[in-house]
C-alpha cells in the first residue's frame, strides 16, 4: 500500500469518527430527559396542584423559601393567593382565618399549594400557616 492510499484511509477514518460523534450528540439532544418528562406531567391540567411543606427559612417579597429535613424549596406566591392561619375565637377555640402574606414569619410552618409551570417554575396558589405555639390552643 503506498503512502497516498494510507493517508486517504486515515483521513476517511477520522471523518467517519467525527461524523459518528456528531450524529450521537445530535441524537442525544433530541431525546427528552426524564426530568423534562416529569415537569411536563406535573404541569399538566390534570394535576391542578401539589403541596409543599416546611419551615420558612427566608422571605423575599412574595418569594418564600421552605426548609424541611435539609431540603430547601423556593416558591413564588401569586399576588392574589389566599393565606390562612388559626386565631382564637371569643371562646378561646382556634378557628381558621384569612390573613395577609406579610404576617408570615421566619420559622413558621407552612403548607403552600403550588402549581408547577411548564417552564419548571413553582407558583404558589394558597398558603396555610400551621399552629406553631400552644398559646392559641384552648386550655
Foldseek 3Di string as FASTA:
>chain_A
DDPVVVVVVVVVVVVVVVVVVVVVVVVVVPDDDPVLVVLVVQLDPVNVWDKDKAFFADDDPQWTWGDDPHDIDIEREDPPAWEWEWAQDPQLATDIDTDDPVVRDGGWIKIFIWHQHSVRHIYTRYMYTYDDDCNSHDD
